[in-house]
Amino acid sequence: MKLLNFLGESVPADEQMTNSKDNRNSQVFESLALLAPSQPAVSDKERKKFEDEKSKLYTQLDEKVRKKINKCTC
């Protein structure tokens, strides 16, 4: 089986990992785990505010798309 990296390039056989235990024990995996940002706690109030704002933005986007569709003379 040919394995590809995230750039679509072939991964040499000697660099491929064959099972999940190898992946968990790899230095790369450990380094990435240390570099990954931790998720800050978000209060229910902040989450609701974010969801409300997101909903408003989607509504605005929908309105703009509808206007463009209505103007289309295709």
Protein backbone atom coordinates (compact mmCIF):
# COMPACT_ATOMS: atom_id res chain seq x y z
CA MET A 1 0.00 0.00 0.00
CA LYS A 2 1.40 3.39 -0.99
CA LEU A 3 1.20 5.97 1.80
CA LEU A 4 1.16 9.71 1.19
CA ASN A 5 2.00 12.58 3.51
CA PHE A 6 -0.21 15.65 3.90
CA LEU A 7 1.42 17.20 0.81
CA GLY A 8 0.53 14.19 -1.33
CA GLU A 9 4.12 13.00 -1.52
CA SER A 10 5.04 9.32 -1.16
CA VAL A 11 6.31 8.34 2.27
CA PRO A 12 9.43 6.11 2.18
CA ALA A 13 8.81 2.62 3.59
CA ASP A 14 11.37 3.09 6.38
CA GLU A 15 9.46 6.19 7.60
CA GLN A 16 6.03 4.56 7.59
CA MET A 17 4.47 3.38 10.83
CA THR A 18 2.59 0.13 10.67
CA ASN A 19 0.37 0.14 13.74
CA SER A 20 -1.27 2.51 16.19
CA LYS A 21 1.10 1.55 19.03
CA ASP A 22 4.01 2.81 16.92
CA ASN A 23 2.10 6.04 16.31
CA ARG A 24 1.38 6.61 19.99
CA ASN A 25 5.00 6.04 20.91
CA SER A 26 6.52 8.21 18.21
CA GLN A 27 8.44 11.32 19.15
CA VAL A 28 6.54 13.28 16.53
CA PHE A 29 3.20 12.43 18.10
CA GLU A 30 4.47 13.44 21.54
CA SER A 31 5.85 16.71 20.20
CA LEU A 32 2.59 17.56 18.48
CA ALA A 33 0.64 16.79 21.64
CA LEU A 34 2.82 19.26 23.54
CA LEU A 35 2.43 21.94 20.88
CA ALA A 36 -1.33 21.60 20.50
CA PRO A 37 -3.10 24.52 22.15
CA SER A 38 -5.30 23.59 25.06
CA GLN A 39 -8.93 24.58 24.81
CA PRO A 40 -9.85 27.39 27.18
CA ALA A 41 -13.02 26.90 29.16
CA VAL A 42 -15.95 28.76 27.65
CA SER A 43 -18.87 29.77 29.78
CA ASP A 44 -22.45 29.04 28.72
CA LYS A 45 -23.01 32.78 28.37
CA GLU A 46 -20.01 33.16 26.03
CA ARG A 47 -21.04 30.09 24.03
CA LYS A 48 -24.58 31.46 23.58
CA LYS A 49 -23.21 34.85 22.53
CA PHE A 50 -20.95 33.15 19.97
CA GLU A 51 -23.80 30.99 18.63
CA ASP A 52 -26.09 34.03 18.34
CA GLU A 53 -23.44 35.99 16.46
CA LYS A 54 -22.73 33.03 14.18
CA SER A 55 -26.43 32.71 13.42
CA LYS A 56 -26.66 36.42 12.56
CA LEU A 57 -23.70 36.13 10.20
CA TYR A 58 -25.19 33.11 8.43
CA THR A 59 -28.47 34.99 8.06
CA GLN A 60 -26.64 37.95 6.50
CA LEU A 61 -24.80 35.62 4.15
CA ASP A 62 -28.05 33.92 3.13
CA GLU A 63 -29.61 37.30 2.37
CA LYS A 64 -26.65 38.35 0.20
CA VAL A 65 -26.78 35.07 -1.71
CA ARG A 66 -30.54 35.42 -2.28
CA LYS A 67 -30.06 38.98 -3.61
CA LYS A 68 -27.37 37.81 -6.04
CA ILE A 69 -29.54 34.92 -7.21
CA ASN A 70 -32.51 37.26 -7.76
CA LYS A 71 -30.31 39.67 -9.78
CA CYS A 72 -28.98 36.87 -11.96
CA THR A 73 -30.34 37.00 -15.52
CA CYS A 74 -28.98 33.60 -16.50
